[in-house]
Amino acid sequence: MKRKMVSVMLATAMLVTMLAGCGSGDGGAAGSAGGSTAGDAAGNGDTSGSTDGNGVSDGEQITLKLFSNLPDRKNGQGLVEQTIIDEYMVENPNVTIEVEALDEEAYKTKFKAYSMYGMPDVVSIWGQPAFLDEVVAANVLAELNAEDYTDYKFVEGSLDGFTYDGKLYGLPRNTDIAVFYYNQKMFDDNGWTIPETYDDLLALADEINAVGITPVAMDGGDGWPLAVYLSDLLYQIVGNDYADIVSDAFADSDFSAPEITEAVELLKQAADAKLFQNGYDSQDYGTAMNLFTNGQAAMFYMGSWETSMATNEDIPEDIRENIRVFTMPAVEGGKAASTDIAAWNGGGYAVSANSEVQGEAVKFLNYMYQPDKLSKYGWENGVGLSAQDQGDYLTGSETELQKQIIDILNASTSLSGTPINDCGPSTFKATIESAIQNVSNGTTTVDDFLSIIGTSCQ
């Protein structure tokens, strides 16, 4: 691989930035694409100055097209994104930003089409090899000047996944943690306790099923949440050996290592124990979330970006005010401690290499990432954890869910890095995300599954 297989985030640095608000970005050397520099566009959104040849002009009407994977513009990250867009257009009245927003799977499908026929000016991307390697190789994204972001308070290591051969092609939005959301009131009313071990979790499934409630709402239809769950289990089994074991599997096109085999078997045990809802393997993100937010499921396995559920008024008050989280319980005999968690830097934004208004696009990107924009607004709207230092925005009046997420991160002793499905080429990602439903539900054997995903790397 041309880049680090599994990006490493430094938990200590993240702790310092969250507590003290004194983080700094990871500024490496990088040039600029198409003769322009991100530095020309960095700043406060001022539109003064003459046309500079990079698509930034004084007074001339400019239309920026933004392609987003955040279709909900009234809640969570979509609301934050739209708020910043609206502010930018007020401050830059000659600029109109047109947004096309699709859910993640539809987004990725259309992104491939755009990569062949012309990309919008600003796009959502993911900083993992499965997505970024081929996109960069196809010259779809503009190179950014990494030195421009040394004062943007990016958490140390968070830019690594968006860097290819020493060049920066995008900026991360989040620090993501895999968690089980749970309904605390439902747990209290039924006398259920937070499981300390994986065996406890499977036993809890029996108790919850016995009262006619789904234990865990799982988006199995999309494949990637099951792959994240698998990665979470693998990390509990191997701890800090996770990166080496995954890298070796890709290097050898062989995923039959006993630790990976055990993780797949534990995933299958979850489905066998009816931990997930009936039909989980064909149901999508929205269906899974609705089961939880409507009180039909006691838990919901997803990333920390959904902490905005606690402030989403579309969710019944008695549910949203009782949403809490815990991380994957310990696996018997596993090397990970309870403070070793599955976490990574996920989605972010980039600029099209062929944008006719590339200068304005970079200028808008840099406006988004000013510390008092994306990071601040995200925190104020309860949207998980930023890839930038948010220490200045802690008020003590955060939702209980936000406080729990902070506590989990602050107590962490190590972070896994990229989930296994995003560590290799896109063919591997497509294969594992389509085959994992069948191994979890028993229609494919564990050995056959491991062989299938290994072959996809050859």
Protein backbone atom coordinates (compact mmCIF):
# COMPACT_ATOMS: atom_id res chain seq x y z
CA MET A 1 0.00 0.00 0.00
CA LYS A 2 1.25 3.51 -0.74
CA ARG A 3 -0.10 4.81 2.55
CA LYS A 4 -0.32 3.51 6.06
CA MET A 5 -2.83 0.63 6.06
CA VAL A 6 -4.44 1.58 9.34
CA SER A 7 -4.20 5.21 10.38
CA VAL A 8 -3.08 5.66 13.97
CA MET A 9 -4.72 8.31 16.14
CA LEU A 10 -2.91 9.34 19.30
CA ALA A 11 -5.25 9.01 22.24
CA THR A 12 -3.03 11.05 24.51
CA ALA A 13 -3.08 14.00 22.12
CA MET A 14 -6.84 13.76 21.83
CA LEU A 15 -7.18 13.76 25.60
CA VAL A 16 -5.09 16.88 25.92
CA THR A 17 -7.01 18.75 23.25
CA MET A 18 -10.43 17.83 24.61
CA LEU A 19 -9.48 18.79 28.15
CA ALA A 20 -7.25 21.78 27.62
CA GLY A 21 -8.24 23.10 24.21
CA CYS A 22 -4.63 23.52 23.10
CA GLY A 23 -4.24 21.14 20.14
CA SER A 24 -2.41 21.91 16.93
CA GLY A 25 -2.76 20.60 13.43
CA ASP A 26 -0.53 18.14 11.64
CA GLY A 27 1.14 20.42 9.12
CA GLY A 28 3.16 18.50 6.57
CA ALA A 29 4.73 19.84 3.42
CA ALA A 30 2.55 19.72 0.33
CA GLY A 31 2.26 21.62 -2.89
CA SER A 32 -0.81 22.82 -4.74
CA ALA A 33 -2.89 21.59 -7.62
CA GLY A 34 -3.38 23.37 -10.90
CA GLY A 35 -0.99 26.17 -10.03
CA SER A 36 -3.20 27.41 -7.17
CA THR A 37 -2.60 27.28 -3.44
CA ALA A 38 -5.03 26.77 -0.62
CA GLY A 39 -3.19 29.61 1.08
CA ASP A 40 -4.55 32.04 -1.50
CA ALA A 41 -8.05 31.19 -0.37
CA ALA A 42 -7.54 30.74 3.35
CA GLY A 43 -8.95 33.38 5.63
CA ASN A 44 -12.18 34.87 6.82
CA GLY A 45 -14.39 34.78 3.77
CA ASP A 46 -13.59 38.32 2.61
CA THR A 47 -14.43 38.76 -1.05
CA SER A 48 -12.29 41.84 -1.63
CA GLY A 49 -9.66 41.81 -4.35
CA SER A 50 -9.61 41.31 -8.08
CA THR A 51 -9.94 38.05 -9.97
CA ASP A 52 -6.90 35.94 -9.11
CA GLY A 53 -7.10 33.35 -11.88
CA ASN A 54 -8.13 30.59 -9.50
CA GLY A 55 -11.87 31.11 -9.57
CA VAL A 56 -12.05 33.73 -6.80
CA SER A 57 -13.35 37.07 -7.96
CA ASP A 58 -14.59 40.39 -6.68
CA GLY A 59 -18.27 40.85 -7.44
CA GLU A 60 -18.53 38.32 -10.25
CA GLN A 61 -21.36 35.86 -9.64
CA ILE A 62 -20.03 32.40 -8.80
CA THR A 63 -21.93 29.16 -8.33
CA LEU A 64 -20.36 26.45 -6.19
CA LYS A 65 -21.77 22.95 -6.35
CA LEU A 66 -21.48 20.94 -3.15
CA PHE A 67 -22.13 17.20 -3.17
CA SER A 68 -22.94 15.91 0.33
CA ASN A 69 -23.75 12.62 2.03
CA LEU A 70 -25.94 14.43 4.60
CA PRO A 71 -29.51 14.46 3.27
CA ASP A 72 -31.12 15.54 6.57
CA ARG A 73 -30.61 19.32 6.49
CA LYS A 74 -32.63 19.99 9.67
CA ASN A 75 -30.74 17.85 12.18
CA GLY A 76 -27.24 16.75 13.06
CA GLN A 77 -24.35 17.18 10.67
CA GLY A 78 -26.60 18.14 7.77
CA LEU A 79 -27.93 21.08 9.78
CA VAL A 80 -24.38 22.15 10.67
CA GLU A 81 -23.27 21.93 7.07
CA GLN A 82 -26.26 23.92 5.83
CA THR A 83 -25.81 26.58 8.52
CA ILE A 84 -22.25 27.20 7.37
CA ILE A 85 -23.31 27.30 3.72
CA ASP A 86 -25.99 29.89 4.49
CA GLU A 87 -23.53 32.03 6.45
CA TYR A 88 -20.97 31.89 3.67
CA MET A 89 -23.49 33.08 1.11
CA VAL A 90 -24.49 35.99 3.37
CA GLU A 91 -20.87 37.02 3.80
CA ASN A 92 -20.13 36.44 0.11
CA PRO A 93 -23.26 37.67 -1.72
CA ASN A 94 -21.73 37.00 -5.14
CA VAL A 95 -21.53 33.27 -4.34
CA THR A 96 -24.40 30.81 -4.66
CA ILE A 97 -23.87 27.32 -3.24
CA GLU A 98 -26.05 24.59 -4.71
CA VAL A 99 -26.30 21.45 -2.58
CA GLU A 100 -27.01 17.93 -3.76
CA ALA A 101 -27.36 15.60 -0.77
CA LEU A 102 -27.90 11.84 -0.87
CA ASP A 103 -27.74 9.11 1.74
CA GLU A 104 -24.38 7.38 1.97
CA GLU A 105 -24.87 4.39 -0.31
CA ALA A 106 -26.58 6.42 -3.05
CA TYR A 107 -23.91 9.07 -2.60
CA LYS A 108 -21.05 6.66 -3.21
CA THR A 109 -22.75 5.26 -6.29
CA LYS A 110 -23.22 8.70 -7.81
CA PHE A 111 -19.72 9.77 -6.77
CA LYS A 112 -18.35 7.08 -9.07
CA ALA A 113 -20.40 8.48 -11.93
CA TYR A 114 -19.24 12.02 -11.20
CA SER A 115 -15.63 10.85 -11.14
CA MET A 116 -16.01 9.84 -14.79
CA TYR A 117 -18.14 12.71 -16.07
CA GLY A 118 -17.22 15.70 -13.91
CA MET A 119 -17.12 16.21 -10.15
CA PRO A 120 -18.97 18.97 -8.25
CA ASP A 121 -16.70 21.63 -6.74
CA VAL A 122 -16.78 20.49 -3.08
CA VAL A 123 -17.48 16.88 -2.16
CA SER A 124 -17.79 14.61 0.85
CA ILE A 125 -15.03 12.00 1.04
CA TRP A 126 -13.71 9.33 3.40
CA GLY A 127 -10.12 9.20 4.57
CA GLN A 128 -9.62 5.46 4.24
CA PRO A 129 -7.71 3.45 1.62
CA ALA A 130 -10.87 1.77 0.31
CA PHE A 131 -12.16 5.16 -0.81
CA LEU A 132 -9.28 7.59 -1.11
CA ASP A 133 -6.56 5.54 -2.81
CA GLU A 134 -8.41 5.01 -6.07
CA VAL A 135 -9.97 8.47 -6.07
CA VAL A 136 -6.57 10.13 -5.75
CA ALA A 137 -5.06 7.80 -8.34
CA ALA A 138 -7.80 8.92 -10.74
CA ASN A 139 -6.80 12.58 -10.22
CA VAL A 140 -10.29 13.51 -9.07
CA LEU A 141 -9.30 15.62 -6.04
CA ALA A 142 -7.27 18.82 -5.78
CA GLU A 143 -4.19 18.79 -3.60
CA LEU A 144 -4.42 21.11 -0.59
CA ASN A 145 -1.59 23.00 1.04
CA ALA A 146 -1.15 21.25 4.38
CA GLU A 147 0.77 24.17 5.85
CA ASP A 148 -2.37 26.30 5.66
CA TYR A 149 -4.01 24.20 8.37
CA THR A 150 -1.43 24.39 11.14
CA ASP A 151 -3.67 26.84 13.05
CA TYR A 152 -6.92 24.96 12.46
CA LYS A 153 -6.48 22.85 15.62
CA PHE A 154 -6.69 19.46 13.95
CA VAL A 155 -6.10 16.65 16.43
CA GLU A 156 -2.69 15.06 15.93
CA GLY A 157 -2.86 12.25 13.40
CA SER A 158 -6.32 13.16 12.10
CA LEU A 159 -4.99 14.31 8.70
CA ASP A 160 -3.09 11.07 8.10
CA GLY A 161 -5.97 9.26 6.43
CA PHE A 162 -6.47 12.15 4.01
CA THR A 163 -2.81 12.24 3.03
CA TYR A 164 -1.50 10.24 0.07
CA ASP A 165 2.21 10.02 -0.74
CA GLY A 166 2.81 12.99 1.53
CA LYS A 167 0.18 15.18 -0.15
CA LEU A 168 -3.05 16.34 1.49
CA TYR A 169 -6.29 15.80 -0.48
CA GLY A 170 -9.01 16.43 2.06
CA LEU A 171 -9.89 17.45 5.60
CA PRO A 172 -11.51 15.19 8.23
CA ARG A 173 -14.77 16.18 9.85
CA ASN A 174 -15.15 13.71 12.71
CA THR A 175 -13.48 11.51 15.24
CA ASP A 176 -15.75 8.47 15.21
CA ILE A 177 -16.25 5.94 18.01
CA ALA A 178 -18.24 2.72 17.60
CA VAL A 179 -20.81 2.51 20.39
CA PHE A 180 -23.99 0.84 21.54
CA TYR A 181 -26.66 3.49 22.13
CA TYR A 182 -29.17 2.28 24.70
CA ASN A 183 -32.41 3.43 26.28
CA GLN A 184 -31.52 3.93 29.94
CA LYS A 185 -35.12 4.18 31.11
CA MET A 186 -35.97 0.92 29.37
CA PHE A 187 -32.96 -0.72 31.01
CA ASP A 188 -33.88 0.63 34.44
CA ASP A 189 -37.54 -0.32 34.13
CA ASN A 190 -36.61 -3.91 33.26
CA GLY A 191 -33.67 -4.31 35.61
CA TRP A 192 -31.16 -4.78 32.80
CA THR A 193 -27.53 -3.84 33.40
CA ILE A 194 -24.79 -2.73 31.03
CA PRO A 195 -22.91 -5.86 29.92
CA GLU A 196 -19.29 -6.09 31.04
CA THR A 197 -18.38 -8.99 28.75
CA TYR A 198 -19.47 -10.16 25.33
CA ASP A 199 -21.04 -13.23 26.92
CA ASP A 200 -23.05 -10.86 29.11
CA LEU A 201 -24.24 -9.05 25.99
CA LEU A 202 -25.48 -12.27 24.40
CA ALA A 203 -27.19 -13.30 27.64
CA LEU A 204 -28.84 -9.87 27.80
CA ALA A 205 -30.30 -10.55 24.35
CA ASP A 206 -32.29 -13.43 25.82
CA GLU A 207 -33.72 -11.20 28.56
CA ILE A 208 -34.70 -8.47 26.15
CA ASN A 209 -36.22 -10.82 23.58
CA ALA A 210 -38.25 -12.41 26.37
CA VAL A 211 -40.25 -9.20 26.82
CA GLY A 212 -40.87 -8.77 23.08
CA ILE A 213 -38.32 -6.04 22.40
CA THR A 214 -35.47 -6.15 19.89
CA PRO A 215 -32.12 -6.13 21.73
CA VAL A 216 -29.98 -4.27 19.15
CA ALA A 217 -31.16 -2.43 16.06
CA MET A 218 -28.58 -3.19 13.36
CA ASP A 219 -28.22 -1.69 9.90
CA GLY A 220 -27.18 -4.98 8.31
CA GLY A 221 -28.47 -4.21 4.85
CA ASP A 222 -25.67 -1.73 4.11
CA GLY A 223 -22.94 -4.13 5.18
CA TRP A 224 -20.50 -1.60 6.60
CA PRO A 225 -22.03 -1.44 10.13
CA LEU A 226 -21.59 -5.23 10.41
CA ALA A 227 -18.00 -4.82 9.22
CA VAL A 228 -17.42 -2.14 11.88
CA TYR A 229 -18.93 -4.52 14.46
CA LEU A 230 -16.54 -7.22 13.25
CA SER A 231 -13.59 -4.81 13.53
CA ASP A 232 -14.73 -3.84 17.02
CA LEU A 233 -14.71 -7.49 18.06
CA LEU A 234 -11.32 -8.09 16.46
CA TYR A 235 -9.88 -5.13 18.36
CA GLN A 236 -11.24 -6.53 21.62
CA ILE A 237 -9.54 -9.84 20.83
CA VAL A 238 -6.11 -8.59 19.73
CA GLY A 239 -5.79 -5.07 21.18
CA ASN A 240 -2.84 -3.15 19.82
CA ASP A 241 -1.94 -6.00 17.44
CA TYR A 242 -4.98 -5.03 15.36
CA ALA A 243 -3.08 -2.98 12.75
CA ASP A 244 -0.42 -5.65 12.21
CA ILE A 245 -2.92 -8.50 11.90
CA VAL A 246 -5.07 -6.59 9.41
CA SER A 247 -2.04 -5.42 7.40
CA ASP A 248 -0.65 -8.96 7.24
CA ALA A 249 -4.00 -10.29 6.05
CA PHE A 250 -4.05 -7.81 3.17
CA ALA A 251 -0.41 -8.38 2.30
CA ASP A 252 -0.96 -12.14 2.07
CA SER A 253 -4.56 -12.04 0.74
CA ASP A 254 -5.26 -14.42 3.61
CA PHE A 255 -7.77 -13.65 6.37
CA SER A 256 -7.69 -17.06 8.04
CA ALA A 257 -5.69 -15.86 11.06
CA PRO A 258 -7.22 -17.41 14.21
CA GLU A 259 -7.99 -13.99 15.66
CA ILE A 260 -9.99 -12.91 12.58
CA THR A 261 -11.73 -16.28 12.51
CA GLU A 262 -12.73 -15.86 16.15
CA ALA A 263 -14.11 -12.37 15.48
CA VAL A 264 -16.28 -13.66 12.62
CA GLU A 265 -17.53 -16.52 14.80
CA LEU A 266 -18.48 -14.03 17.54
CA LEU A 267 -20.41 -11.96 14.99
CA LYS A 268 -22.30 -15.07 13.95
CA GLN A 269 -23.00 -15.90 17.61
CA ALA A 270 -24.65 -12.49 17.97
CA ALA A 271 -27.04 -13.21 15.11
CA ASP A 272 -27.66 -16.75 16.41
CA ALA A 273 -28.52 -15.29 19.83
CA LYS A 274 -31.04 -12.99 18.12
CA LEU A 275 -29.15 -9.93 19.31
CA PHE A 276 -30.29 -8.15 16.14
CA GLN A 277 -33.81 -7.63 14.82
CA ASN A 278 -35.52 -10.03 12.44
CA GLY A 279 -34.48 -9.12 8.91
CA TYR A 280 -31.45 -7.11 10.06
CA ASP A 281 -29.43 -8.42 7.12
CA SER A 282 -31.64 -6.61 4.60
CA GLN A 283 -32.71 -3.53 6.57
CA ASP A 284 -31.10 -0.13 6.13
CA TYR A 285 -29.80 2.66 8.34
CA GLY A 286 -33.09 4.52 8.66
CA THR A 287 -35.02 1.38 9.54
CA ALA A 288 -32.55 0.44 12.26
CA MET A 289 -32.52 3.91 13.75
CA ASN A 290 -36.31 4.12 13.71
CA LEU A 291 -36.56 0.85 15.65
CA PHE A 292 -34.46 2.40 18.39
CA THR A 293 -35.89 5.90 18.42
CA ASN A 294 -39.46 4.54 18.40
CA GLY A 295 -38.77 2.39 21.46
CA GLN A 296 -38.94 -0.94 19.62
CA ALA A 297 -35.27 -1.74 20.25
CA ALA A 298 -33.33 -1.40 23.49
CA MET A 299 -30.03 -0.61 21.75
CA PHE A 300 -28.65 0.68 18.45
CA TYR A 301 -25.12 -0.09 17.25
CA MET A 302 -23.68 2.89 15.38
CA GLY A 303 -21.00 5.60 15.44
CA SER A 304 -20.68 8.53 17.81
CA TRP A 305 -21.85 10.89 15.05
CA GLU A 306 -25.42 10.04 16.09
CA THR A 307 -25.14 11.76 19.47
CA SER A 308 -27.38 14.43 17.97
CA MET A 309 -30.27 12.06 18.66
CA ALA A 310 -30.29 13.60 22.13
CA THR A 311 -31.29 16.98 20.69
CA ASN A 312 -33.44 15.81 17.78
CA GLU A 313 -36.99 16.93 18.54
CA ASP A 314 -38.37 14.52 15.95
CA ILE A 315 -37.54 11.78 18.47
CA PRO A 316 -40.01 11.39 21.37
CA GLU A 317 -38.80 13.29 24.42
CA ASP A 318 -38.94 10.31 26.77
CA ILE A 319 -36.59 8.44 24.44
CA ARG A 320 -34.14 11.17 23.37
CA GLU A 321 -33.56 12.26 26.97
CA ASN A 322 -32.72 8.71 28.01
CA ILE A 323 -30.23 7.77 25.28
CA ARG A 324 -26.87 6.68 26.71
CA VAL A 325 -23.89 4.73 25.33
CA PHE A 326 -21.40 2.00 26.10
CA THR A 327 -18.61 0.50 24.01
CA MET A 328 -18.08 -3.10 22.92
CA PRO A 329 -17.83 -5.31 26.03
CA ALA A 330 -14.66 -7.28 26.67
CA VAL A 331 -14.18 -10.59 24.90
CA GLU A 332 -13.08 -13.45 27.14
CA GLY A 333 -9.35 -13.96 26.72
CA GLY A 334 -9.01 -10.80 24.65
CA LYS A 335 -6.01 -8.50 24.91
CA ALA A 336 -7.92 -5.21 24.91
CA ALA A 337 -8.78 -3.36 28.08
CA SER A 338 -12.17 -1.73 28.59
CA THR A 339 -10.51 1.56 27.70
CA ASP A 340 -9.24 0.31 24.32
CA ILE A 341 -11.94 1.43 21.89
CA ALA A 342 -12.82 1.18 18.21
CA ALA A 343 -12.33 4.73 16.90
CA TRP A 344 -11.08 6.40 13.75
CA ASN A 345 -11.23 9.58 11.67
CA GLY A 346 -13.99 9.10 9.14
CA GLY A 347 -15.67 11.38 6.67
CA GLY A 348 -14.62 14.82 5.53
CA TYR A 349 -14.49 17.16 2.55
CA ALA A 350 -12.36 17.77 -0.51
CA VAL A 351 -12.23 19.98 -3.61
CA SER A 352 -12.55 18.77 -7.18
CA ALA A 353 -9.31 18.84 -9.17
CA ASN A 354 -11.24 20.01 -12.24
CA SER A 355 -13.38 22.66 -10.60
CA GLU A 356 -13.60 25.78 -12.74
CA VAL A 357 -13.89 27.81 -9.52
CA GLN A 358 -11.31 25.89 -7.55
CA GLY A 359 -10.03 28.94 -5.70
CA GLU A 360 -13.51 29.77 -4.38
CA ALA A 361 -14.07 26.10 -3.54
CA VAL A 362 -10.90 25.97 -1.42
CA LYS A 363 -11.85 29.29 0.14
CA PHE A 364 -15.21 27.85 1.16
CA LEU A 365 -13.59 24.65 2.44
CA ASN A 366 -11.25 26.68 4.62
CA TYR A 367 -14.16 28.80 5.83
CA MET A 368 -15.98 25.62 6.91
CA TYR A 369 -12.99 24.46 8.91
CA GLN A 370 -12.32 27.65 10.81
CA PRO A 371 -12.35 26.41 14.41
CA ASP A 372 -15.42 28.48 15.25
CA LYS A 373 -17.47 26.98 12.40
CA LEU A 374 -17.68 23.22 11.71
CA SER A 375 -16.18 22.14 15.02
CA LYS A 376 -18.03 24.66 17.19
CA TYR A 377 -21.41 24.28 15.51
CA GLY A 378 -21.08 20.52 15.55
CA TRP A 379 -20.51 20.52 19.28
CA GLU A 380 -23.34 22.95 19.95
CA ASN A 381 -25.70 20.71 17.98
CA GLY A 382 -24.57 17.56 19.78
CA VAL A 383 -22.95 16.03 16.70
CA GLY A 384 -20.36 13.64 18.06
CA LEU A 385 -16.69 14.55 18.13
CA SER A 386 -14.82 16.75 15.69
CA ALA A 387 -11.39 16.00 14.21
CA GLN A 388 -10.48 19.44 15.56
CA ASP A 389 -9.96 20.53 19.15
CA GLN A 390 -13.33 21.34 20.71
CA GLY A 391 -12.05 22.16 24.17
CA ASP A 392 -13.01 25.83 23.93
CA TYR A 393 -16.67 24.92 23.41
CA LEU A 394 -17.27 22.75 26.47
CA THR A 395 -19.78 24.54 28.67
CA GLY A 396 -20.86 21.93 31.21
CA SER A 397 -24.42 22.11 29.88
CA GLU A 398 -23.93 19.45 27.21
CA THR A 399 -26.39 16.61 26.94
CA GLU A 400 -25.68 13.55 29.06
CA LEU A 401 -24.98 11.70 25.84
CA GLN A 402 -22.27 14.19 24.85
CA LYS A 403 -20.72 13.98 28.29
CA GLN A 404 -20.59 10.22 28.07
CA ILE A 405 -18.88 10.33 24.68
CA ILE A 406 -16.27 12.76 26.07
CA ASP A 407 -15.71 10.51 29.08
CA ILE A 408 -15.22 7.48 26.83
CA LEU A 409 -12.64 9.30 24.74
CA ASN A 410 -10.88 10.86 27.71
CA ALA A 411 -10.61 7.48 29.44
CA SER A 412 -9.35 5.70 26.33
CA THR A 413 -5.88 4.18 26.39
CA SER A 414 -5.76 3.21 22.72
CA LEU A 415 -7.83 3.59 19.55
CA SER A 416 -8.18 0.98 16.84
CA GLY A 417 -7.89 3.05 13.67
CA THR A 418 -9.63 2.29 10.39
CA PRO A 419 -12.28 -0.49 10.36
CA ILE A 420 -11.24 -3.57 8.39
CA ASN A 421 -13.65 -2.98 5.50
CA ASP A 422 -11.97 0.34 4.69
CA CYS A 423 -8.36 -0.82 4.97
CA GLY A 424 -7.98 -2.32 1.50
CA PRO A 425 -8.96 -1.71 -2.11
CA SER A 426 -12.52 -0.92 -3.13
CA THR A 427 -13.00 -4.47 -4.44
CA PHE A 428 -12.35 -5.79 -0.94
CA LYS A 429 -14.72 -3.26 0.59
CA ALA A 430 -17.50 -4.21 -1.82
CA THR A 431 -16.90 -7.90 -1.25
CA ILE A 432 -16.81 -7.92 2.54
CA GLU A 433 -19.83 -5.61 2.81
CA SER A 434 -21.90 -7.85 0.55
CA ALA A 435 -20.69 -11.17 2.01
CA ILE A 436 -20.84 -10.33 5.69
CA GLN A 437 -24.62 -10.63 5.89
CA ASN A 438 -24.43 -14.23 4.69
CA VAL A 439 -21.77 -15.30 7.17
CA SER A 440 -23.59 -13.61 10.03
CA ASN A 441 -26.91 -15.30 9.21
CA GLY A 442 -25.29 -18.67 8.57
CA THR A 443 -25.93 -19.03 4.83
CA THR A 444 -22.15 -18.90 4.25
CA THR A 445 -19.64 -20.73 6.43
CA VAL A 446 -16.95 -18.81 8.28
CA ASP A 447 -14.19 -20.52 6.27
CA ASP A 448 -15.89 -19.72 2.96
CA PHE A 449 -16.37 -16.09 3.99
CA LEU A 450 -12.70 -15.71 4.87
CA SER A 451 -11.72 -17.29 1.58
CA ILE A 452 -14.04 -15.00 -0.39
CA ILE A 453 -12.69 -11.80 1.12
CA GLY A 454 -9.11 -13.02 0.77
CA THR A 455 -9.58 -13.72 -2.93
CA SER A 456 -10.91 -10.19 -3.45
CA CYS A 457 -7.50 -8.81 -2.46
CA GLN A 458 -5.52 -10.79 -5.02
